[in-house]
Amino acid sequence: MSGRFARGVIWNIASLAVMAACGLGLNAIIAAFYGPAVLGSFNQAYAVYILASQIGVLGVNFSTNKYVAEYADNSQELASIVSAALIVALGCSIPIGTSLYYGRHAVGVFLDSPETAIAIGYVAPAVICLSINKVLVHVINGLRRMGLFAVVTGGRYVGIFLSMLALCFFNVSGSSLAFAFLIGEGAALICLLVIVVRIVPLTVCNLRFWVKRHFSFGARVFMSGTLGELNTRLDVLILGAFVSDQLVGIYSLAAMLAEGYHLLANGLAVNLNPIITQRYTQNKLDSLKSMILRGKCYFYLASLLVVGVAVLLFRPLLGVVIDLANYPGAYWVFSIHSCGILVVSGYMPFRKALVQMGFPGLYTLQMLSGVLSNVLLNLMLIPFWGIYGAALATVIAYAVSVLFQRFLVLRSVGIRI
């Protein structure tokens, strides 16, 4: 492991610890002071918000990461790449955020949750901020400034958490808590713009060319990015259509804790993604395969330890913060998620390998396989097993997506991962 890569991993583990603490803190505050029904409506609004921001960025965050990594040594092209990406993100996110705001009541009707509709009204403007922020953090990631990347990524979550604390201090209604996302992402946008522009000055040169390239790449990878986010939120959204906000709250608390594994994998992925691009473009396929296989082994071992400890400590630690009697079944939902994620954990840091190697269309197929199986299994299992069916359906869908990824990488690149 090179010194630069090791430092990047350490930085991002620290950032992940901050993100995990903030995410846990957000849900714990709502769970303890507002109850499972408010937690359920909050997480349904959050799921809609994340999906809308993914649509609003149009895959330009992925193209930004790829092209910035490729042209990191060409300051003139780099300025054009970043400037064009911001134009595309702004132009796409404004109509999406506006549409979400005016369509919030229709979403509330579908989920049978008026409180969720109110919360969506607060997060709709934040969609614009988050879409642009995704582009800006991928600029930093593409340049492999991993220490800075870790700081700004963790800082975004801290801002949202502090905003939530302030709202709770003023005793706002449960449906108004989602306003924390607008405050936090708005502040992050200002900070990120200042930081990125100092590294890569914006320009008006060659914008037309790079806007077209961003659109071209983004259009091909857009659906995969949206499907990827949808795959992590489908369980909450489908569950919301079948059960009460209270049951969704119980489920989302456990599922949110299990998402910590995804954060850990993403912490490695942001370091690995630029390296995957460089080794593939330099035709170092043997080196690329070796890196992936070693990474799988390391992450499987780490995941086994983390999952074992997490399942053992779930009840005693969470019981200190909230009254678990109000969240029956949360432990078993968490255990199902944890065991399922363990099975596929070795592949999680390499989930976007096809994108980084320049196959956005194949990555879309990879994500589509997971989403279709997720939808089908959730619709089949939730009516019979409720929150347990949602958990089981979600982890099976992860496995389907991994199997299809292995097939696609073998067919397109010729390496077995």
Protein backbone atom coordinates (compact mmCIF):
# COMPACT_ATOMS: atom_id res chain seq x y z
CA MET A 1 0.00 0.00 0.00
CA SER A 2 1.59 3.28 -1.11
CA GLY A 3 2.08 6.11 1.37
CA ARG A 4 -0.28 8.40 -0.50
CA PHE A 5 -3.00 5.77 -0.70
CA ALA A 6 -2.56 4.83 2.97
CA ARG A 7 -2.85 8.47 4.01
CA GLY A 8 -5.97 8.83 1.90
CA VAL A 9 -7.55 5.79 3.52
CA ILE A 10 -6.73 7.07 7.01
CA TRP A 11 -8.20 10.48 6.21
CA ASN A 12 -11.39 8.95 4.88
CA ILE A 13 -11.78 6.54 7.79
CA ALA A 14 -11.65 9.57 10.07
CA SER A 15 -14.18 11.34 7.86
CA LEU A 16 -16.40 8.26 7.86
CA ALA A 17 -16.31 8.17 11.64
CA VAL A 18 -17.58 11.75 11.67
CA MET A 19 -20.25 10.97 9.06
CA ALA A 20 -21.38 7.86 10.92
CA ALA A 21 -21.55 9.73 14.21
CA CYS A 22 -23.58 12.53 12.63
CA GLY A 23 -25.92 10.10 10.86
CA LEU A 24 -26.45 8.12 14.03
CA GLY A 25 -26.89 11.34 15.98
CA LEU A 26 -29.55 12.64 13.59
CA ASN A 27 -31.61 9.49 13.81
CA ALA A 28 -31.03 9.04 17.54
CA ILE A 29 -32.23 12.59 18.28
CA ILE A 30 -35.39 12.09 16.26
CA ALA A 31 -35.94 8.59 17.68
CA ALA A 32 -35.49 9.74 21.27
CA PHE A 33 -37.38 13.05 21.21
CA TYR A 34 -39.92 12.70 18.40
CA GLY A 35 -40.63 8.95 18.18
CA PRO A 36 -40.74 6.33 15.41
CA ALA A 37 -43.56 7.96 13.39
CA VAL A 38 -41.61 11.21 12.89
CA LEU A 39 -38.45 9.18 12.21
CA GLY A 40 -40.37 7.27 9.53
CA SER A 41 -41.65 10.38 7.73
CA PHE A 42 -38.21 12.02 8.02
CA ASN A 43 -36.45 9.07 6.39
CA GLN A 44 -39.04 8.83 3.64
CA ALA A 45 -38.47 12.50 2.82
CA TYR A 46 -34.73 11.91 2.98
CA ALA A 47 -35.00 9.02 0.51
CA VAL A 48 -36.93 11.20 -1.95
CA TYR A 49 -34.40 14.01 -1.45
CA ILE A 50 -31.38 11.79 -2.22
CA LEU A 51 -33.04 10.37 -5.33
CA ALA A 52 -34.01 13.83 -6.59
CA SER A 53 -30.46 15.14 -6.11
CA GLN A 54 -29.10 12.18 -8.07
CA ILE A 55 -31.44 13.02 -10.93
CA GLY A 56 -30.57 16.70 -10.62
CA VAL A 57 -26.83 16.14 -11.04
CA LEU A 58 -27.42 14.05 -14.22
CA GLY A 59 -24.37 11.85 -13.66
CA VAL A 60 -22.03 14.83 -14.08
CA ASN A 61 -20.39 14.05 -10.75
CA PHE A 62 -19.13 10.78 -12.27
CA SER A 63 -17.90 12.43 -15.46
CA THR A 64 -16.20 15.11 -13.36
CA ASN A 65 -14.35 12.50 -11.31
CA LYS A 66 -13.23 10.64 -14.43
CA TYR A 67 -12.10 13.64 -16.50
CA VAL A 68 -10.46 15.47 -13.59
CA ALA A 69 -8.42 12.32 -12.85
CA GLU A 70 -7.44 12.05 -16.52
CA TYR A 71 -6.50 15.73 -16.98
CA ALA A 72 -5.12 16.42 -13.51
CA ASP A 73 -1.82 17.65 -15.02
CA ASN A 74 -3.45 19.93 -17.62
CA SER A 75 -4.56 23.08 -15.78
CA GLN A 76 -6.22 24.67 -18.82
CA GLU A 77 -8.42 21.66 -19.61
CA LEU A 78 -9.07 21.13 -15.91
CA ALA A 79 -10.56 24.61 -15.58
CA SER A 80 -12.86 23.97 -18.55
CA ILE A 81 -13.92 20.57 -17.20
CA VAL A 82 -14.92 21.96 -13.79
CA SER A 83 -16.64 25.07 -15.18
CA ALA A 84 -18.69 23.06 -17.66
CA ALA A 85 -19.66 20.53 -14.99
CA LEU A 86 -21.01 23.27 -12.73
CA ILE A 87 -23.06 24.74 -15.58
CA VAL A 88 -24.64 21.37 -16.36
CA ALA A 89 -25.35 20.57 -12.70
CA LEU A 90 -26.98 23.95 -12.09
CA GLY A 91 -29.06 23.77 -15.25
CA CYS A 92 -30.37 20.30 -14.42
CA SER A 93 -30.92 20.63 -10.68
CA ILE A 94 -33.06 23.78 -10.73
CA PRO A 95 -36.00 22.20 -12.65
CA ILE A 96 -35.74 19.00 -10.59
CA GLY A 97 -35.84 20.87 -7.28
CA THR A 98 -38.74 22.99 -8.49
CA SER A 99 -40.69 19.96 -9.72
CA LEU A 100 -40.15 18.18 -6.42
CA TYR A 101 -41.47 21.16 -4.48
CA TYR A 102 -44.68 21.38 -6.48
CA GLY A 103 -45.10 17.60 -6.58
CA ARG A 104 -44.58 17.04 -2.85
CA HIS A 105 -48.27 16.48 -2.11
CA ALA A 106 -48.52 13.74 -4.74
CA VAL A 107 -45.60 11.93 -3.07
CA GLY A 108 -47.33 12.32 0.29
CA VAL A 109 -50.49 10.74 -1.11
CA PHE A 110 -48.54 7.80 -2.55
CA LEU A 111 -46.82 7.19 0.79
CA ASP A 112 -50.01 7.95 2.72
CA SER A 113 -48.02 10.42 4.81
CA PRO A 114 -48.95 14.13 4.89
CA GLU A 115 -45.98 14.75 7.20
CA THR A 116 -43.62 13.43 4.54
CA ALA A 117 -45.08 15.89 2.02
CA ILE A 118 -44.38 18.79 4.38
CA ALA A 119 -40.80 17.60 4.93
CA ILE A 120 -40.23 17.32 1.16
CA GLY A 121 -41.18 20.99 0.84
CA TYR A 122 -38.14 21.83 2.99
CA VAL A 123 -35.66 19.56 1.19
CA ALA A 124 -36.69 20.45 -2.38
CA PRO A 125 -34.51 23.63 -2.54
CA ALA A 126 -31.63 21.69 -0.98
CA VAL A 127 -31.65 19.41 -4.04
CA ILE A 128 -29.97 22.21 -6.01
CA CYS A 129 -27.27 22.70 -3.37
CA LEU A 130 -26.56 18.98 -3.01
CA SER A 131 -26.37 18.42 -6.78
CA ILE A 132 -23.69 21.10 -7.15
CA ASN A 133 -21.89 19.91 -4.02
CA LYS A 134 -21.59 16.44 -5.54
CA VAL A 135 -19.73 17.90 -8.50
CA LEU A 136 -17.43 19.96 -6.29
CA VAL A 137 -16.43 17.09 -4.00
CA HIS A 138 -15.73 14.90 -7.04
CA VAL A 139 -13.35 17.56 -8.33
CA ILE A 140 -11.38 17.19 -5.10
CA ASN A 141 -11.61 13.38 -5.29
CA GLY A 142 -10.46 13.31 -8.92
CA LEU A 143 -7.40 15.37 -7.98
CA ARG A 144 -6.72 12.79 -5.22
CA ARG A 145 -6.55 15.43 -2.51
CA MET A 146 -7.92 12.90 -0.10
CA GLY A 147 -7.23 14.82 3.09
CA LEU A 148 -9.22 17.78 1.82
CA PHE A 149 -11.88 15.45 0.45
CA ALA A 150 -12.27 13.86 3.88
CA VAL A 151 -12.54 17.23 5.60
CA VAL A 152 -15.20 18.68 3.28
CA THR A 153 -17.22 15.44 3.19
CA GLY A 154 -17.26 15.12 6.96
CA GLY A 155 -17.86 18.85 7.30
CA ARG A 156 -21.08 18.62 5.28
CA TYR A 157 -22.50 16.11 7.72
CA VAL A 158 -21.39 18.13 10.72
CA GLY A 159 -23.20 21.15 9.28
CA ILE A 160 -26.41 19.18 8.83
CA PHE A 161 -26.13 17.70 12.32
CA LEU A 162 -25.58 21.09 13.94
CA SER A 163 -28.53 22.48 12.00
CA MET A 164 -30.67 19.64 13.32
CA LEU A 165 -29.57 20.38 16.89
CA ALA A 166 -30.52 24.02 16.45
CA LEU A 167 -33.95 23.12 15.10
CA CYS A 168 -34.55 20.75 18.01
CA PHE A 169 -33.43 23.44 20.44
CA PHE A 170 -36.15 25.71 19.08
CA ASN A 171 -38.63 22.81 19.37
CA VAL A 172 -39.79 22.86 15.73
CA SER A 173 -42.39 20.38 14.53
CA GLY A 174 -41.24 16.95 13.38
CA SER A 175 -42.04 17.62 9.73
CA SER A 176 -39.87 20.78 9.84
CA LEU A 177 -36.70 18.93 10.88
CA ALA A 178 -35.85 18.32 7.21
CA PHE A 179 -35.01 22.04 6.95
CA ALA A 180 -31.62 21.02 8.40
CA PHE A 181 -30.61 19.71 4.98
CA LEU A 182 -31.15 23.07 3.31
CA ILE A 183 -29.15 24.89 5.98
CA GLY A 184 -26.31 22.36 5.99
CA GLU A 185 -25.98 21.91 2.22
CA GLY A 186 -26.32 25.64 1.60
CA ALA A 187 -23.42 26.37 3.94
CA ALA A 188 -21.39 23.54 2.40
CA LEU A 189 -21.99 24.93 -1.10
CA ILE A 190 -20.50 28.30 -0.18
CA CYS A 191 -17.44 26.69 1.44
CA LEU A 192 -16.87 24.21 -1.41
CA LEU A 193 -17.08 26.90 -4.08
CA VAL A 194 -14.43 28.96 -2.32
CA ILE A 195 -12.14 25.94 -1.90
CA VAL A 196 -12.49 24.53 -5.42
CA VAL A 197 -12.17 27.86 -7.21
CA ARG A 198 -8.91 28.49 -5.39
CA ILE A 199 -7.58 25.14 -6.65
CA VAL A 200 -9.11 25.26 -10.15
CA PRO A 201 -9.98 28.78 -11.35
CA LEU A 202 -13.15 28.83 -13.45
CA THR A 203 -13.04 29.75 -17.12
CA VAL A 204 -15.28 30.38 -20.12
CA CYS A 205 -12.83 28.70 -22.53
CA ASN A 206 -13.82 25.51 -24.35
CA LEU A 207 -17.06 25.25 -22.38
CA ARG A 208 -19.18 24.10 -25.29
CA PHE A 209 -16.93 21.10 -25.92
CA TRP A 210 -16.86 20.02 -22.27
CA VAL A 211 -20.56 20.62 -21.68
CA LYS A 212 -21.23 18.18 -24.53
CA ARG A 213 -18.77 15.64 -23.10
CA HIS A 214 -20.31 15.92 -19.64
CA PHE A 215 -23.77 15.46 -21.11
CA SER A 216 -22.62 12.50 -23.18
CA PHE A 217 -20.92 10.69 -20.33
CA GLY A 218 -23.46 11.80 -17.77
CA ALA A 219 -26.39 10.63 -19.89
CA ARG A 220 -24.84 7.18 -20.12
CA VAL A 221 -24.01 6.93 -16.43
CA PHE A 222 -26.96 8.96 -15.14
CA MET A 223 -29.33 6.05 -14.94
CA SER A 224 -26.77 3.90 -13.16
CA GLY A 225 -26.18 6.58 -10.53
CA THR A 226 -29.91 7.04 -10.05
CA LEU A 227 -30.45 3.31 -9.89
CA GLY A 228 -27.64 3.01 -7.36
CA GLU A 229 -29.26 5.55 -5.05
CA LEU A 230 -32.70 4.10 -5.71
CA ASN A 231 -31.44 0.66 -4.75
CA THR A 232 -30.49 1.90 -1.28
CA ARG A 233 -33.82 3.72 -0.76
CA LEU A 234 -36.32 1.37 -2.40
CA ASP A 235 -36.97 -0.58 0.77
CA VAL A 236 -38.00 2.55 2.70
CA LEU A 237 -40.17 3.91 -0.13
CA ILE A 238 -41.95 0.62 -0.89
CA LEU A 239 -42.37 -0.10 2.80
CA GLY A 240 -43.91 3.35 3.23
CA ALA A 241 -46.61 2.45 0.70
CA PHE A 242 -47.57 -0.67 2.68
CA VAL A 243 -47.10 0.15 6.36
CA SER A 244 -47.41 3.05 8.79
CA ASP A 245 -44.84 5.79 9.39
CA GLN A 246 -44.16 4.20 12.77
CA LEU A 247 -43.09 0.86 11.24
CA VAL A 248 -41.04 2.70 8.62
CA GLY A 249 -39.32 4.51 11.49
CA ILE A 250 -38.46 1.23 13.22
CA TYR A 251 -37.10 -0.20 9.98
CA SER A 252 -35.18 2.91 8.93
CA LEU A 253 -33.41 3.16 12.29
CA ALA A 254 -31.96 -0.34 11.88
CA ALA A 255 -31.28 0.06 8.15
CA MET A 256 -29.50 3.38 8.75
CA LEU A 257 -27.12 1.71 11.19
CA ALA A 258 -26.41 -1.03 8.65
CA GLU A 259 -25.58 1.67 6.09
CA GLY A 260 -22.41 2.27 8.09
CA TYR A 261 -20.91 -0.61 6.12
CA HIS A 262 -21.60 1.27 2.89
CA LEU A 263 -19.87 4.34 4.30
CA LEU A 264 -16.79 2.28 5.12
CA ALA A 265 -16.74 0.85 1.59
CA ASN A 266 -17.19 4.28 0.06
CA GLY A 267 -14.26 5.54 2.11
CA LEU A 268 -12.02 3.07 0.31
CA ALA A 269 -13.76 3.57 -3.04
CA VAL A 270 -13.03 7.31 -3.22
CA ASN A 271 -9.33 6.43 -2.91
CA LEU A 272 -9.50 3.48 -5.29
CA ASN A 273 -11.62 5.00 -8.09
CA PRO A 274 -8.94 7.31 -9.55
CA ILE A 275 -6.39 4.46 -9.37
CA ILE A 276 -8.75 2.13 -11.24
CA THR A 277 -9.10 4.73 -14.01
CA GLN A 278 -5.35 5.28 -14.27
CA ARG A 279 -4.43 1.58 -14.36
CA TYR A 280 -7.09 0.77 -16.91
CA THR A 281 -6.22 3.68 -19.23
CA GLN A 282 -2.53 2.70 -18.97
CA ASN A 283 -3.50 -0.91 -19.87
CA LYS A 284 -2.12 -2.30 -16.60
CA LEU A 285 -4.80 -4.98 -16.36
CA ASP A 286 -2.75 -7.46 -14.34
CA SER A 287 -1.99 -4.77 -11.77
CA LEU A 288 -5.66 -3.76 -11.71
CA LYS A 289 -6.82 -7.35 -11.15
CA SER A 290 -4.27 -7.87 -8.39
CA MET A 291 -5.39 -4.69 -6.63
CA ILE A 292 -9.05 -5.73 -6.74
CA LEU A 293 -8.39 -9.26 -5.48
CA ARG A 294 -6.24 -8.03 -2.59
CA GLY A 295 -8.78 -5.37 -1.73
CA LYS A 296 -11.56 -7.96 -1.62
CA CYS A 297 -9.66 -10.11 0.86
CA TYR A 298 -8.83 -7.21 3.15
CA PHE A 299 -12.37 -5.87 3.15
CA TYR A 300 -13.95 -9.28 3.77
CA LEU A 301 -11.75 -9.74 6.83
CA ALA A 302 -12.48 -6.24 8.12
CA SER A 303 -16.21 -6.66 7.50
CA LEU A 304 -16.33 -9.96 9.38
CA LEU A 305 -14.91 -8.26 12.45
CA VAL A 306 -17.11 -5.16 12.16
CA VAL A 307 -20.33 -7.10 11.56
CA GLY A 308 -19.68 -9.47 14.46
CA VAL A 309 -19.02 -6.67 16.92
CA ALA A 310 -21.94 -4.55 15.64
CA VAL A 311 -24.51 -7.34 15.98
CA LEU A 312 -23.31 -8.14 19.50
CA LEU A 313 -23.32 -4.53 20.68
CA PHE A 314 -26.48 -3.31 18.90
CA ARG A 315 -28.84 -3.73 21.85
CA PRO A 316 -26.61 -2.61 24.75
CA LEU A 317 -25.26 0.48 22.98
CA LEU A 318 -28.45 1.68 21.29
CA GLY A 319 -30.40 1.02 24.47
CA VAL A 320 -28.39 3.74 26.19
CA VAL A 321 -29.67 6.34 23.72
CA ILE A 322 -33.27 5.31 23.06
CA ASP A 323 -35.96 3.13 24.57
CA LEU A 324 -35.77 -0.01 22.44
CA ALA A 325 -39.25 -1.00 23.64
CA ASN A 326 -40.55 1.62 21.18
CA TYR A 327 -38.62 -0.04 18.33
CA PRO A 328 -39.58 -3.74 18.37
CA GLY A 329 -37.94 -5.76 15.61
CA ALA A 330 -35.15 -3.26 14.95
CA TYR A 331 -32.48 -5.72 16.12
CA TRP A 332 -33.56 -8.43 13.69
CA VAL A 333 -33.79 -5.98 10.77
CA PHE A 334 -30.26 -4.83 11.59
CA SER A 335 -29.00 -8.42 11.83
CA ILE A 336 -30.50 -9.40 8.47
CA HIS A 337 -28.97 -6.34 6.79
CA SER A 338 -25.59 -6.94 8.44
CA CYS A 339 -25.33 -10.61 7.48
CA GLY A 340 -26.42 -9.90 3.92
CA ILE A 341 -23.93 -7.07 3.50
CA LEU A 342 -21.16 -9.29 4.86
CA VAL A 343 -21.70 -11.73 1.98
CA VAL A 344 -21.04 -9.04 -0.66
CA SER A 345 -18.73 -6.76 1.36
CA GLY A 346 -15.57 -7.61 -0.57
CA TYR A 347 -17.02 -6.11 -3.74
CA MET A 348 -18.46 -2.96 -2.20
CA PRO A 349 -15.35 -0.74 -2.60
CA PHE A 350 -15.26 -1.68 -6.30
CA ARG A 351 -18.94 -1.17 -7.05
CA LYS A 352 -18.21 1.64 -9.56
CA ALA A 353 -15.27 -0.07 -11.28
CA LEU A 354 -17.07 -0.26 -14.63
CA VAL A 355 -17.68 3.50 -14.61
CA GLN A 356 -14.07 4.25 -13.77
CA MET A 357 -12.95 2.03 -16.65
CA GLY A 358 -15.19 3.90 -19.08
CA PHE A 359 -18.19 1.55 -19.31
CA PRO A 360 -21.07 3.64 -17.93
CA GLY A 361 -23.64 1.71 -19.97
CA LEU A 362 -22.56 -1.60 -18.44
CA TYR A 363 -22.59 -0.06 -14.99
CA THR A 364 -26.18 0.93 -15.66
CA LEU A 365 -27.01 -2.70 -16.42
CA GLN A 366 -25.28 -3.73 -13.20
CA MET A 367 -27.38 -1.31 -11.16
CA LEU A 368 -30.55 -2.20 -13.09
CA SER A 369 -30.17 -5.86 -12.13
CA GLY A 370 -30.08 -4.90 -8.47
CA VAL A 371 -33.01 -2.48 -8.68
CA LEU A 372 -35.31 -4.83 -10.58
CA SER A 373 -34.63 -7.68 -8.17
CA ASN A 374 -35.04 -5.27 -5.25
CA VAL A 375 -38.43 -4.05 -6.46
CA LEU A 376 -39.70 -7.53 -7.23
CA LEU A 377 -38.52 -9.05 -3.95
CA ASN A 378 -39.80 -6.15 -1.82
CA LEU A 379 -43.22 -6.34 -3.46
CA MET A 380 -43.28 -10.09 -2.88
CA LEU A 381 -42.00 -10.19 0.70
CA ILE A 382 -43.25 -7.01 2.39
CA PRO A 383 -46.97 -7.97 2.27
CA PHE A 384 -46.16 -11.20 4.13
CA TRP A 385 -43.22 -10.36 6.38
CA GLY A 386 -43.35 -6.57 6.67
CA ILE A 387 -40.10 -4.95 7.80
CA TYR A 388 -38.30 -8.32 7.87
CA GLY A 389 -39.31 -8.97 4.28
CA ALA A 390 -37.94 -5.58 3.24
CA ALA A 391 -34.59 -6.33 4.88
CA LEU A 392 -34.32 -9.78 3.29
CA ALA A 393 -35.31 -8.49 -0.15
CA THR A 394 -32.71 -5.73 -0.02
CA VAL A 395 -29.76 -7.95 0.85
CA ILE A 396 -30.67 -10.53 -1.81
CA ALA A 397 -30.76 -7.72 -4.37
CA TYR A 398 -27.21 -6.71 -3.35
CA ALA A 399 -26.02 -10.23 -4.10
CA VAL A 400 -27.72 -10.25 -7.52
CA SER A 401 -26.01 -6.98 -8.45
CA VAL A 402 -22.58 -8.33 -7.44
CA LEU A 403 -22.98 -11.52 -9.46
CA PHE A 404 -23.95 -9.51 -12.53
CA GLN A 405 -21.00 -7.14 -12.00
CA ARG A 406 -18.58 -10.09 -12.05
CA PHE A 407 -20.09 -11.28 -15.31
CA LEU A 408 -19.92 -7.84 -16.95
CA VAL A 409 -16.31 -7.17 -15.91
CA LEU A 410 -15.23 -10.56 -17.25
CA ARG A 411 -16.98 -10.00 -20.59
CA SER A 412 -15.89 -6.39 -21.11
CA VAL A 413 -12.37 -6.26 -19.62
CA GLY A 414 -11.39 -9.91 -19.55
CA ILE A 415 -10.46 -10.13 -15.88
CA ARG A 416 -12.11 -12.27 -13.22
CA ILE A 417 -12.79 -10.39 -9.98
